[in-house]
Amino acid sequence: MKYKLKQKQNQRITRIKESTLVVGADIAKKVHVARAVDFRGIELGKDCTFHNNASGLMKLATWMKELKQVHAKTEIVFGIEPTGHYWFP
């Protein structure tokens, strides 16, 4: 089982290229924070804080699309760590 998880993780990592915007979000009860980096781990832009509701998720989507355009990226890889039930939306 552990081998399959590692293999799946490695497959995801190989998808990240120079043209990829990598976004990770820290999930909390009310306000979440997202950060974006390039394929080397260099931070791109400022953090995005957003609420756990429809307008907050729209703010996140707009922020990612703007960074993608500004930094000439062609795809976005988005990841979160599921924290309790707060990540469901």
N, C-alpha and C. Protein backbone atom coordinates (compact mmCIF):
# COMPACT_ATOMS: atom_id res chain seq x y z
N MET A 1 0.82 -1.20 0.00
CA MET A 1 0.00 0.00 0.00
C MET A 1 0.86 1.26 0.00
N LYS A 2 1.90 1.27 0.85
CA LYS A 2 2.77 2.43 0.93
C LYS A 2 3.47 2.68 -0.41
N TYR A 3 3.86 1.62 -1.10
CA TYR A 3 4.51 1.75 -2.40
C TYR A 3 3.58 2.40 -3.41
N LYS A 4 2.31 2.01 -3.42
CA LYS A 4 1.34 2.58 -4.37
C LYS A 4 1.14 4.07 -4.11
N LEU A 5 1.09 4.47 -2.84
CA LEU A 5 0.94 5.88 -2.52
C LEU A 5 2.14 6.67 -3.00
N LYS A 6 3.33 6.14 -2.78
CA LYS A 6 4.55 6.80 -3.22
C LYS A 6 4.60 6.90 -4.74
N GLN A 7 4.18 5.84 -5.42
CA GLN A 7 4.16 5.82 -6.88
C GLN A 7 3.19 6.88 -7.41
N LYS A 8 2.03 7.00 -6.79
CA LYS A 8 1.04 7.99 -7.21
C LYS A 8 1.57 9.40 -7.00
N GLN A 9 2.24 9.62 -5.86
CA GLN A 9 2.84 10.92 -5.56
C GLN A 9 3.90 11.26 -6.61
N ASN A 10 4.73 10.30 -6.97
CA ASN A 10 5.77 10.53 -7.97
C ASN A 10 5.16 10.87 -9.33
N GLN A 11 4.04 10.24 -9.67
CA GLN A 11 3.36 10.54 -10.94
C GLN A 11 2.88 11.98 -10.94
N ARG A 12 2.37 12.44 -9.82
CA ARG A 12 1.91 13.83 -9.73
C ARG A 12 3.08 14.80 -9.87
N ILE A 13 4.19 14.47 -9.26
CA ILE A 13 5.36 15.35 -9.32
C ILE A 13 5.86 15.47 -10.76
N THR A 14 5.83 14.40 -11.52
CA THR A 14 6.31 14.46 -12.90
C THR A 14 5.43 15.34 -13.78
N ARG A 15 4.21 15.63 -13.35
CA ARG A 15 3.33 16.53 -14.10
C ARG A 15 3.75 17.99 -13.99
N ILE A 16 4.57 18.31 -13.00
CA ILE A 16 4.98 19.69 -12.77
C ILE A 16 6.14 20.04 -13.68
N LYS A 17 5.90 21.04 -14.51
CA LYS A 17 6.90 21.48 -15.49
C LYS A 17 7.15 22.97 -15.32
N GLU A 18 8.02 23.52 -16.12
CA GLU A 18 8.32 24.94 -16.06
C GLU A 18 7.07 25.78 -16.30
N SER A 19 6.12 25.24 -17.04
CA SER A 19 4.89 25.98 -17.38
C SER A 19 3.78 25.79 -16.35
N THR A 20 4.09 25.16 -15.21
CA THR A 20 3.08 24.85 -14.21
C THR A 20 3.12 25.85 -13.06
N LEU A 21 1.95 26.35 -12.69
CA LEU A 21 1.77 27.14 -11.48
C LEU A 21 1.34 26.17 -10.39
N VAL A 22 2.11 26.08 -9.32
CA VAL A 22 1.81 25.15 -8.23
C VAL A 22 1.23 25.96 -7.08
N VAL A 23 0.01 25.61 -6.67
CA VAL A 23 -0.69 26.34 -5.61
C VAL A 23 -1.02 25.38 -4.48
N GLY A 24 -0.71 25.79 -3.27
CA GLY A 24 -1.07 25.01 -2.10
C GLY A 24 -1.84 25.89 -1.13
N ALA A 25 -2.87 25.32 -0.50
CA ALA A 25 -3.68 26.09 0.43
C ALA A 25 -3.65 25.46 1.81
N ASP A 26 -3.53 26.31 2.81
CA ASP A 26 -3.63 25.90 4.20
C ASP A 26 -5.09 26.10 4.60
N ILE A 27 -5.76 25.02 4.94
CA ILE A 27 -7.18 25.06 5.23
C ILE A 27 -7.41 25.23 6.73
N ALA A 28 -8.29 26.16 7.06
CA ALA A 28 -8.64 26.43 8.46
C ALA A 28 -10.16 26.51 8.60
N LYS A 29 -10.62 26.86 9.79
CA LYS A 29 -12.06 26.88 10.03
C LYS A 29 -12.78 27.97 9.22
N LYS A 30 -12.24 29.18 9.23
CA LYS A 30 -12.93 30.30 8.56
C LYS A 30 -12.14 30.88 7.39
N VAL A 31 -10.87 31.14 7.60
CA VAL A 31 -10.06 31.80 6.57
C VAL A 31 -8.92 30.89 6.16
N HIS A 32 -8.77 30.68 4.87
CA HIS A 32 -7.73 29.84 4.31
C HIS A 32 -6.66 30.75 3.70
N VAL A 33 -5.46 30.20 3.53
CA VAL A 33 -4.37 30.95 2.89
C VAL A 33 -3.75 30.07 1.81
N ALA A 34 -3.60 30.64 0.61
CA ALA A 34 -2.98 29.93 -0.50
C ALA A 34 -1.70 30.64 -0.90
N ARG A 35 -0.73 29.85 -1.37
CA ARG A 35 0.53 30.39 -1.88
C ARG A 35 0.81 29.71 -3.21
N ALA A 36 1.51 30.43 -4.07
CA ALA A 36 1.83 29.89 -5.39
C ALA A 36 3.34 29.93 -5.60
N VAL A 37 3.83 28.86 -6.23
CA VAL A 37 5.26 28.75 -6.54
C VAL A 37 5.41 28.24 -7.97
N ASP A 38 6.63 28.40 -8.50
CA ASP A 38 6.92 27.81 -9.80
C ASP A 38 7.48 26.40 -9.61
N PHE A 39 7.93 25.80 -10.68
CA PHE A 39 8.40 24.41 -10.62
C PHE A 39 9.65 24.23 -9.77
N ARG A 40 10.35 25.33 -9.48
CA ARG A 40 11.55 25.26 -8.64
C ARG A 40 11.25 25.57 -7.18
N GLY A 41 10.01 25.98 -6.90
CA GLY A 41 9.63 26.33 -5.53
C GLY A 41 9.78 27.80 -5.22
N ILE A 42 10.04 28.62 -6.24
CA ILE A 42 10.16 30.06 -6.04
C ILE A 42 8.76 30.66 -5.95
N GLU A 43 8.52 31.41 -4.88
CA GLU A 43 7.19 31.98 -4.65
C GLU A 43 6.85 33.02 -5.71
N LEU A 44 5.62 32.94 -6.19
CA LEU A 44 5.12 33.86 -7.20
C LEU A 44 3.95 34.66 -6.62
N GLY A 45 4.10 35.96 -6.56
CA GLY A 45 3.02 36.80 -6.04
C GLY A 45 2.88 36.73 -4.54
N LYS A 46 1.86 37.41 -4.06
CA LYS A 46 1.56 37.45 -2.63
C LYS A 46 0.60 36.33 -2.28
N ASP A 47 0.49 36.04 -1.00
CA ASP A 47 -0.47 35.05 -0.52
C ASP A 47 -1.89 35.49 -0.86
N CYS A 48 -2.78 34.54 -0.92
CA CYS A 48 -4.20 34.81 -1.11
C CYS A 48 -4.95 34.28 0.10
N THR A 49 -5.59 35.17 0.85
CA THR A 49 -6.45 34.72 1.94
C THR A 49 -7.88 34.73 1.42
N PHE A 50 -8.62 33.67 1.75
CA PHE A 50 -9.99 33.56 1.25
C PHE A 50 -10.85 32.82 2.26
N HIS A 51 -12.14 33.14 2.24
CA HIS A 51 -13.09 32.55 3.18
C HIS A 51 -13.66 31.25 2.63
N ASN A 52 -14.22 30.49 3.53
CA ASN A 52 -14.77 29.18 3.20
C ASN A 52 -16.23 29.32 2.73
N ASN A 53 -16.41 30.07 1.63
CA ASN A 53 -17.74 30.23 1.04
C ASN A 53 -17.57 30.46 -0.47
N ALA A 54 -18.68 30.62 -1.16
CA ALA A 54 -18.62 30.74 -2.62
C ALA A 54 -17.80 31.94 -3.08
N SER A 55 -17.97 33.09 -2.43
CA SER A 55 -17.20 34.26 -2.87
C SER A 55 -15.71 34.08 -2.56
N GLY A 56 -15.40 33.40 -1.46
CA GLY A 56 -14.00 33.13 -1.14
C GLY A 56 -13.35 32.22 -2.17
N LEU A 57 -14.08 31.19 -2.60
CA LEU A 57 -13.55 30.28 -3.61
C LEU A 57 -13.40 30.98 -4.96
N MET A 58 -14.32 31.91 -5.27
CA MET A 58 -14.18 32.70 -6.50
C MET A 58 -12.95 33.60 -6.43
N LYS A 59 -12.69 34.16 -5.25
CA LYS A 59 -11.49 34.99 -5.06
C LYS A 59 -10.24 34.15 -5.33
N LEU A 60 -10.21 32.94 -4.80
CA LEU A 60 -9.07 32.04 -5.01
C LEU A 60 -8.90 31.73 -6.49
N ALA A 61 -9.98 31.39 -7.17
CA ALA A 61 -9.91 31.05 -8.60
C ALA A 61 -9.41 32.24 -9.42
N THR A 62 -9.90 33.43 -9.12
CA THR A 62 -9.46 34.63 -9.84
C THR A 62 -7.98 34.89 -9.59
N TRP A 63 -7.54 34.75 -8.35
CA TRP A 63 -6.14 34.96 -7.99
C TRP A 63 -5.23 34.00 -8.76
N MET A 64 -5.64 32.71 -8.82
CA MET A 64 -4.84 31.72 -9.54
C MET A 64 -4.78 32.04 -11.03
N LYS A 65 -5.91 32.42 -11.62
CA LYS A 65 -5.94 32.74 -13.06
C LYS A 65 -5.07 33.94 -13.37
N GLU A 66 -5.10 34.96 -12.49
CA GLU A 66 -4.26 36.15 -12.71
C GLU A 66 -2.78 35.80 -12.62
N LEU A 67 -2.39 35.01 -11.62
CA LEU A 67 -0.98 34.60 -11.51
C LEU A 67 -0.56 33.76 -12.71
N LYS A 68 -1.44 32.90 -13.15
CA LYS A 68 -1.15 32.06 -14.32
C LYS A 68 -0.84 32.93 -15.53
N GLN A 69 -1.64 33.96 -15.72
CA GLN A 69 -1.44 34.85 -16.87
C GLN A 69 -0.19 35.71 -16.70
N VAL A 70 -0.01 36.31 -15.54
CA VAL A 70 1.14 37.20 -15.28
C VAL A 70 2.46 36.46 -15.47
N HIS A 71 2.51 35.21 -15.04
CA HIS A 71 3.76 34.45 -15.09
C HIS A 71 3.82 33.49 -16.27
N ALA A 72 2.92 33.65 -17.22
CA ALA A 72 2.90 32.88 -18.48
C ALA A 72 2.91 31.37 -18.23
N LYS A 73 2.07 30.93 -17.31
CA LYS A 73 1.93 29.50 -17.04
C LYS A 73 0.75 28.95 -17.85
N THR A 74 0.82 27.69 -18.20
CA THR A 74 -0.25 27.10 -19.01
C THR A 74 -1.15 26.17 -18.22
N GLU A 75 -0.73 25.79 -17.01
CA GLU A 75 -1.56 24.91 -16.20
C GLU A 75 -1.35 25.21 -14.72
N ILE A 76 -2.31 24.76 -13.92
CA ILE A 76 -2.26 24.95 -12.48
C ILE A 76 -2.40 23.59 -11.80
N VAL A 77 -1.54 23.33 -10.84
CA VAL A 77 -1.69 22.17 -9.97
C VAL A 77 -2.02 22.73 -8.59
N PHE A 78 -3.18 22.32 -8.06
CA PHE A 78 -3.67 22.85 -6.79
C PHE A 78 -3.73 21.73 -5.77
N GLY A 79 -3.21 21.99 -4.59
CA GLY A 79 -3.22 20.97 -3.54
C GLY A 79 -3.60 21.54 -2.20
N ILE A 80 -4.29 20.71 -1.42
CA ILE A 80 -4.64 21.08 -0.05
C ILE A 80 -4.42 19.86 0.84
N GLU A 81 -4.25 20.13 2.10
CA GLU A 81 -4.24 19.05 3.07
C GLU A 81 -5.61 19.04 3.73
N PRO A 82 -6.35 17.96 3.58
CA PRO A 82 -7.70 17.94 4.17
C PRO A 82 -7.63 18.05 5.69
N THR A 83 -8.24 19.08 6.21
CA THR A 83 -8.25 19.35 7.64
C THR A 83 -9.68 19.23 8.15
N GLY A 84 -9.96 18.21 8.89
CA GLY A 84 -11.32 18.01 9.39
C GLY A 84 -12.31 18.01 8.24
N HIS A 85 -13.40 18.72 8.41
CA HIS A 85 -14.40 18.82 7.35
C HIS A 85 -14.32 20.15 6.61
N TYR A 86 -13.40 21.03 6.96
CA TYR A 86 -13.34 22.37 6.41
C TYR A 86 -12.95 22.39 4.92
N TRP A 87 -12.36 21.35 4.43
CA TRP A 87 -11.89 21.33 3.05
C TRP A 87 -12.98 20.91 2.07
N PHE A 88 -14.14 20.44 2.55
CA PHE A 88 -15.17 19.93 1.67
C PHE A 88 -15.64 20.92 0.59
N PRO A 89 -15.85 22.22 0.89
CA PRO A 89 -16.28 23.13 -0.17
C PRO A 89 -15.25 23.23 -1.28
